[in-house]
Amino acid sequence: MKRPLVYVTVWLAATAVAGGVAWAAVRLAGGETEFHAISPLSAREVAALATSTVPGATTTVPDLHTPSTTSTPIAATSTTDTPTTTSGSSATTAGAAGPTVVAHVVDGGTVVVSLDDGRLSLIGATPAQGFTVEVEESGPDEVVVGFDGAEADFEVRAFVSGGEVAFDVNGDNDGDDTGDDEPDDGEG
């Protein structure tokens, strides 16, 4: 009868030691790999990131102080290496030619595109709160992004016009997908 008791005691001790070693390893590793929440970048953060990491980049940021669903962002450009701010927008161009990075904001979210050697590419699309995003086309001829919400839907199309990025925004503020911006009464 003593022999099974010894086996159980040895097993319990080994299990406790293994559990303690595993707990210590997880605690030690957990301190180094602490969870950090990832949040979407604002248009200003994207502009700052683009100008600080891409030499020769031009960044256009729409005025964020007034809500807008227009198809033309407000932009300012500079031919120096220092950032310039005009009417709430900023753009920086270094001396050498490089890609142009443009962020366009609508009520449904933000679309960021890059123009390099006549080719468009989608950098990112971040929906506003209450909206979902769907990328329909990511380049190289055009970028088309849809933002769908309960009360409004927006389609943002970026394209090249005259060697620069241009935007066309189609918005439906009543959420019925008809494009009429009038309340949907259910009648055809």
C-alpha atoms as a PDB file:
ATOM      1  CA  MET A   1       0.000   0.000   0.000  1.00  0.00           C
ATOM      2  CA  LYS A   2       2.926   2.339   0.576  1.00  0.00           C
ATOM      3  CA  ARG A   3       4.231   1.901  -2.954  1.00  0.00           C
ATOM      4  CA  PRO A   4       1.165   3.424  -4.752  1.00  0.00           C
ATOM      5  CA  LEU A   5       1.217   6.335  -2.285  1.00  0.00           C
ATOM      6  CA  VAL A   6       4.870   7.008  -3.165  1.00  0.00           C
ATOM      7  CA  TYR A   7       4.071   6.944  -6.898  1.00  0.00           C
ATOM      8  CA  VAL A   8       1.174   9.384  -6.464  1.00  0.00           C
ATOM      9  CA  THR A   9       3.337  11.701  -4.344  1.00  0.00           C
ATOM     10  CA  VAL A  10       6.162  11.654  -6.914  1.00  0.00           C
ATOM     11  CA  TRP A  11       3.668  12.296  -9.719  1.00  0.00           C
ATOM     12  CA  LEU A  12       2.085  15.244  -7.860  1.00  0.00           C
ATOM     13  CA  ALA A  13       5.512  16.741  -7.123  1.00  0.00           C
ATOM     14  CA  ALA A  14       6.628  16.367 -10.765  1.00  0.00           C
ATOM     15  CA  THR A  15       3.377  17.933 -11.988  1.00  0.00           C
ATOM     16  CA  ALA A  16       3.749  20.864  -9.582  1.00  0.00           C
ATOM     17  CA  VAL A  17       7.367  21.457 -10.646  1.00  0.00           C
ATOM     18  CA  ALA A  18       6.455  21.271 -14.360  1.00  0.00           C
ATOM     19  CA  GLY A  19       3.560  23.683 -13.816  1.00  0.00           C
ATOM     20  CA  GLY A  20       5.812  26.100 -11.925  1.00  0.00           C
ATOM     21  CA  VAL A  21       8.468  26.012 -14.660  1.00  0.00           C
ATOM     22  CA  ALA A  22       5.834  26.587 -17.364  1.00  0.00           C
ATOM     23  CA  TRP A  23       4.282  29.471 -15.398  1.00  0.00           C
ATOM     24  CA  ALA A  24       7.690  31.116 -14.910  1.00  0.00           C
ATOM     25  CA  ALA A  25       8.544  30.771 -18.611  1.00  0.00           C
ATOM     26  CA  VAL A  26       5.229  32.278 -19.711  1.00  0.00           C
ATOM     27  CA  ARG A  27       5.566  35.130 -17.211  1.00  0.00           C
ATOM     28  CA  LEU A  28       9.112  35.883 -18.367  1.00  0.00           C
ATOM     29  CA  ALA A  29       8.205  35.736 -22.067  1.00  0.00           C
ATOM     30  CA  GLY A  30       4.937  37.609 -21.495  1.00  0.00           C
ATOM     31  CA  GLY A  31       6.796  40.638 -20.172  1.00  0.00           C
ATOM     32  CA  GLU A  32       8.686  40.909 -23.448  1.00  0.00           C
ATOM     33  CA  THR A  33       5.720  40.321 -25.756  1.00  0.00           C
ATOM     34  CA  GLU A  34       3.173  42.541 -24.077  1.00  0.00           C
ATOM     35  CA  PHE A  35      -0.025  43.001 -26.087  1.00  0.00           C
ATOM     36  CA  HIS A  36      -0.331  46.397 -27.749  1.00  0.00           C
ATOM     37  CA  ALA A  37      -3.608  47.381 -29.370  1.00  0.00           C
ATOM     38  CA  ILE A  38      -3.308  48.287 -33.034  1.00  0.00           C
ATOM     39  CA  SER A  39      -5.399  51.232 -34.143  1.00  0.00           C
ATOM     40  CA  PRO A  40      -5.849  52.736 -37.601  1.00  0.00           C
ATOM     41  CA  LEU A  41      -3.715  55.727 -38.506  1.00  0.00           C
ATOM     42  CA  SER A  42      -5.294  59.129 -38.976  1.00  0.00           C
ATOM     43  CA  ALA A  43      -4.757  60.992 -42.246  1.00  0.00           C
ATOM     44  CA  ARG A  44      -2.231  63.269 -40.537  1.00  0.00           C
ATOM     45  CA  GLU A  45      -0.285  60.262 -39.163  1.00  0.00           C
ATOM     46  CA  VAL A  46      -0.236  58.697 -42.636  1.00  0.00           C
ATOM     47  CA  ALA A  47       1.061  61.970 -44.084  1.00  0.00           C
ATOM     48  CA  ALA A  48       3.782  62.204 -41.444  1.00  0.00           C
ATOM     49  CA  LEU A  49       4.769  58.578 -41.986  1.00  0.00           C
ATOM     50  CA  ALA A  50       4.862  58.939 -45.761  1.00  0.00           C
ATOM     51  CA  THR A  51       7.039  62.042 -45.713  1.00  0.00           C
ATOM     52  CA  SER A  52       9.419  60.610 -43.143  1.00  0.00           C
ATOM     53  CA  THR A  53       9.949  57.208 -44.771  1.00  0.00           C
ATOM     54  CA  VAL A  54       9.786  57.812 -48.523  1.00  0.00           C
ATOM     55  CA  PRO A  55      12.447  60.167 -49.859  1.00  0.00           C
ATOM     56  CA  GLY A  56      11.007  62.523 -52.425  1.00  0.00           C
ATOM     57  CA  ALA A  57       7.377  61.765 -51.558  1.00  0.00           C
ATOM     58  CA  THR A  58       4.557  64.271 -51.929  1.00  0.00           C
ATOM     59  CA  THR A  59       1.694  63.954 -49.486  1.00  0.00           C
ATOM     60  CA  THR A  60      -1.690  65.643 -49.748  1.00  0.00           C
ATOM     61  CA  VAL A  61      -4.027  65.657 -46.756  1.00  0.00           C
ATOM     62  CA  PRO A  62      -7.541  67.093 -46.970  1.00  0.00           C
ATOM     63  CA  ASP A  63      -8.699  69.705 -44.469  1.00  0.00           C
ATOM     64  CA  LEU A  64      -9.887  67.665 -41.474  1.00  0.00           C
ATOM     65  CA  HIS A  65     -11.592  70.543 -39.669  1.00  0.00           C
ATOM     66  CA  THR A  66     -14.721  70.526 -41.832  1.00  0.00           C
ATOM     67  CA  PRO A  67     -16.556  67.370 -42.959  1.00  0.00           C
ATOM     68  CA  SER A  68     -16.433  66.983 -46.701  1.00  0.00           C
ATOM     69  CA  THR A  69     -17.649  64.572 -49.333  1.00  0.00           C
ATOM     70  CA  THR A  70     -16.312  66.562 -52.245  1.00  0.00           C
ATOM     71  CA  SER A  71     -14.153  64.957 -54.854  1.00  0.00           C
ATOM     72  CA  THR A  72     -11.201  67.351 -54.674  1.00  0.00           C
ATOM     73  CA  PRO A  73      -8.808  67.381 -51.708  1.00  0.00           C
ATOM     74  CA  ILE A  74      -7.273  70.657 -50.600  1.00  0.00           C
ATOM     75  CA  ALA A  75      -3.543  70.491 -51.199  1.00  0.00           C
ATOM     76  CA  ALA A  76      -0.401  72.526 -50.769  1.00  0.00           C
ATOM     77  CA  THR A  77       2.990  71.652 -52.195  1.00  0.00           C
ATOM     78  CA  SER A  78       6.483  72.846 -51.526  1.00  0.00           C
ATOM     79  CA  THR A  79       9.726  72.466 -53.429  1.00  0.00           C
ATOM     80  CA  THR A  80      11.848  72.543 -50.274  1.00  0.00           C
ATOM     81  CA  ASP A  81      12.712  69.725 -47.910  1.00  0.00           C
ATOM     82  CA  THR A  82      10.661  71.223 -45.061  1.00  0.00           C
ATOM     83  CA  PRO A  83       6.950  70.483 -44.564  1.00  0.00           C
ATOM     84  CA  THR A  84       4.487  73.257 -45.416  1.00  0.00           C
ATOM     85  CA  THR A  85       1.001  73.674 -43.962  1.00  0.00           C
ATOM     86  CA  THR A  86      -1.757  75.582 -45.751  1.00  0.00           C
ATOM     87  CA  SER A  87      -5.483  75.535 -44.876  1.00  0.00           C
ATOM     88  CA  GLY A  88      -5.146  72.418 -42.710  1.00  0.00           C
ATOM     89  CA  SER A  89      -3.392  70.417 -45.416  1.00  0.00           C
ATOM     90  CA  SER A  90       0.228  69.449 -45.675  1.00  0.00           C
ATOM     91  CA  ALA A  91       2.459  68.208 -48.424  1.00  0.00           C
ATOM     92  CA  THR A  92       6.188  67.734 -48.674  1.00  0.00           C
ATOM     93  CA  THR A  93       8.266  67.265 -51.774  1.00  0.00           C
ATOM     94  CA  ALA A  94      11.966  66.529 -51.579  1.00  0.00           C
ATOM     95  CA  GLY A  95      14.295  67.687 -54.321  1.00  0.00           C
ATOM     96  CA  ALA A  96      14.316  64.340 -56.168  1.00  0.00           C
ATOM     97  CA  ALA A  97      11.215  63.005 -57.895  1.00  0.00           C
ATOM     98  CA  GLY A  98       9.525  60.150 -56.106  1.00  0.00           C
ATOM     99  CA  PRO A  99       6.106  58.651 -55.443  1.00  0.00           C
ATOM    100  CA  THR A 100       3.186  60.884 -54.497  1.00  0.00           C
ATOM    101  CA  VAL A 101       1.164  59.704 -51.498  1.00  0.00           C
ATOM    102  CA  VAL A 102      -2.339  61.150 -51.159  1.00  0.00           C
ATOM    103  CA  ALA A 103      -4.885  60.629 -48.369  1.00  0.00           C
ATOM    104  CA  HIS A 104      -8.528  61.452 -49.144  1.00  0.00           C
ATOM    105  CA  VAL A 105     -11.133  61.632 -46.360  1.00  0.00           C
ATOM    106  CA  VAL A 106     -14.897  61.225 -46.740  1.00  0.00           C
ATOM    107  CA  ASP A 107     -17.538  60.713 -44.051  1.00  0.00           C
ATOM    108  CA  GLY A 108     -17.221  56.930 -44.535  1.00  0.00           C
ATOM    109  CA  GLY A 109     -13.453  56.713 -44.046  1.00  0.00           C
ATOM    110  CA  THR A 110     -10.003  57.462 -45.432  1.00  0.00           C
ATOM    111  CA  VAL A 111      -8.356  56.204 -48.623  1.00  0.00           C
ATOM    112  CA  VAL A 112      -4.574  56.497 -49.057  1.00  0.00           C
ATOM    113  CA  VAL A 113      -3.059  55.959 -52.515  1.00  0.00           C
ATOM    114  CA  SER A 114       0.392  56.233 -54.030  1.00  0.00           C
ATOM    115  CA  LEU A 115       1.230  57.453 -57.531  1.00  0.00           C
ATOM    116  CA  ASP A 116       4.605  56.340 -58.848  1.00  0.00           C
ATOM    117  CA  ASP A 117       5.578  56.606 -62.499  1.00  0.00           C
ATOM    118  CA  GLY A 118       1.936  56.910 -63.609  1.00  0.00           C
ATOM    119  CA  ARG A 119       0.812  53.824 -61.674  1.00  0.00           C
ATOM    120  CA  LEU A 120      -1.639  54.026 -58.783  1.00  0.00           C
ATOM    121  CA  SER A 121      -1.535  51.664 -55.843  1.00  0.00           C
ATOM    122  CA  LEU A 122      -3.679  51.451 -52.737  1.00  0.00           C
ATOM    123  CA  ILE A 123      -1.712  52.011 -49.540  1.00  0.00           C
ATOM    124  CA  GLY A 124      -4.629  51.727 -47.158  1.00  0.00           C
ATOM    125  CA  ALA A 125      -8.355  52.190 -46.607  1.00  0.00           C
ATOM    126  CA  THR A 126      -9.631  52.818 -43.095  1.00  0.00           C
ATOM    127  CA  PRO A 127     -13.389  52.948 -42.441  1.00  0.00           C
ATOM    128  CA  ALA A 128     -14.879  55.537 -40.095  1.00  0.00           C
ATOM    129  CA  GLN A 129     -16.724  54.277 -37.041  1.00  0.00           C
ATOM    130  CA  GLY A 130     -19.916  52.508 -38.087  1.00  0.00           C
ATOM    131  CA  PHE A 131     -18.681  51.768 -41.614  1.00  0.00           C
ATOM    132  CA  THR A 132     -17.172  48.727 -43.296  1.00  0.00           C
ATOM    133  CA  VAL A 133     -14.679  48.903 -46.136  1.00  0.00           C
ATOM    134  CA  GLU A 134     -14.523  46.955 -49.388  1.00  0.00           C
ATOM    135  CA  VAL A 135     -11.638  47.312 -51.830  1.00  0.00           C
ATOM    136  CA  GLU A 136     -12.989  46.854 -55.347  1.00  0.00           C
ATOM    137  CA  GLU A 137      -9.878  47.843 -57.326  1.00  0.00           C
ATOM    138  CA  SER A 138      -6.348  48.435 -55.991  1.00  0.00           C
ATOM    139  CA  GLY A 139      -4.507  49.711 -59.095  1.00  0.00           C
ATOM    140  CA  PRO A 140      -2.565  50.257 -61.292  1.00  0.00           C
ATOM    141  CA  ASP A 141      -5.052  52.226 -63.453  1.00  0.00           C
ATOM    142  CA  GLU A 142      -7.512  53.162 -60.719  1.00  0.00           C
ATOM    143  CA  VAL A 143      -8.287  52.525 -57.062  1.00  0.00           C
ATOM    144  CA  VAL A 144     -11.915  51.980 -56.043  1.00  0.00           C
ATOM    145  CA  VAL A 145     -12.908  51.651 -52.380  1.00  0.00           C
ATOM    146  CA  GLY A 146     -16.417  51.383 -50.933  1.00  0.00           C
ATOM    147  CA  PHE A 147     -17.455  52.408 -47.425  1.00  0.00           C
ATOM    148  CA  ASP A 148     -20.792  50.951 -46.314  1.00  0.00           C
ATOM    149  CA  GLY A 149     -22.690  52.168 -43.261  1.00  0.00           C
ATOM    150  CA  ALA A 150     -26.202  51.846 -41.891  1.00  0.00           C
ATOM    151  CA  GLU A 151     -27.143  55.403 -42.880  1.00  0.00           C
ATOM    152  CA  ALA A 152     -24.745  56.162 -45.758  1.00  0.00           C
ATOM    153  CA  ASP A 153     -22.613  54.499 -48.425  1.00  0.00           C
ATOM    154  CA  PHE A 154     -19.640  56.017 -50.232  1.00  0.00           C
ATOM    155  CA  GLU A 155     -17.571  54.903 -53.201  1.00  0.00           C
ATOM    156  CA  VAL A 156     -14.196  56.611 -53.597  1.00  0.00           C
ATOM    157  CA  ARG A 157     -12.454  56.276 -56.961  1.00  0.00           C
ATOM    158  CA  ALA A 158      -8.868  57.489 -57.378  1.00  0.00           C
ATOM    159  CA  PHE A 159      -7.426  57.920 -60.856  1.00  0.00           C
ATOM    160  CA  VAL A 160      -4.625  59.758 -62.637  1.00  0.00           C
ATOM    161  CA  SER A 161      -5.559  63.019 -64.349  1.00  0.00           C
ATOM    162  CA  GLY A 162      -2.899  65.272 -65.835  1.00  0.00           C
ATOM    163  CA  GLY A 163      -0.154  63.350 -64.063  1.00  0.00           C
ATOM    164  CA  GLU A 164      -1.737  63.893 -60.626  1.00  0.00           C
ATOM    165  CA  VAL A 165      -4.053  61.881 -58.393  1.00  0.00           C
ATOM    166  CA  ALA A 166      -7.719  62.866 -58.683  1.00  0.00           C
ATOM    167  CA  PHE A 167     -10.711  61.547 -56.754  1.00  0.00           C
ATOM    168  CA  ASP A 168     -14.345  60.964 -57.618  1.00  0.00           C
ATOM    169  CA  VAL A 169     -16.702  60.337 -54.699  1.00  0.00           C
ATOM    170  CA  ASN A 170     -20.191  58.915 -55.026  1.00  0.00           C
ATOM    171  CA  GLY A 171     -22.150  59.135 -51.792  1.00  0.00           C
ATOM    172  CA  ASP A 172     -25.517  57.844 -50.704  1.00  0.00           C
ATOM    173  CA  ASN A 173     -26.438  59.433 -47.385  1.00  0.00           C
ATOM    174  CA  ASP A 174     -29.625  57.454 -46.742  1.00  0.00           C
ATOM    175  CA  GLY A 175     -28.069  53.966 -46.853  1.00  0.00           C
ATOM    176  CA  ASP A 176     -30.513  52.441 -49.363  1.00  0.00           C
ATOM    177  CA  ASP A 177     -27.917  51.863 -52.136  1.00  0.00           C
ATOM    178  CA  THR A 178     -30.008  53.722 -54.727  1.00  0.00           C
ATOM    179  CA  GLY A 179     -27.693  56.722 -54.968  1.00  0.00           C
ATOM    180  CA  ASP A 180     -30.602  59.167 -54.704  1.00  0.00           C
ATOM    181  CA  ASP A 181     -29.765  60.448 -51.197  1.00  0.00           C
ATOM    182  CA  GLU A 182     -33.491  60.517 -50.417  1.00  0.00           C
ATOM    183  CA  PRO A 183     -35.222  58.363 -47.797  1.00  0.00           C
ATOM    184  CA  ASP A 184     -36.201  55.011 -49.295  1.00  0.00           C
ATOM    185  CA  ASP A 185     -40.009  54.791 -49.128  1.00  0.00           C
ATOM    186  CA  GLY A 186     -40.083  51.308 -50.649  1.00  0.00           C
ATOM    187  CA  GLU A 187     -41.806  52.460 -53.853  1.00  0.00           C
ATOM    188  CA  GLY A 188     -40.128  52.091 -57.267  1.00  0.00           C
END
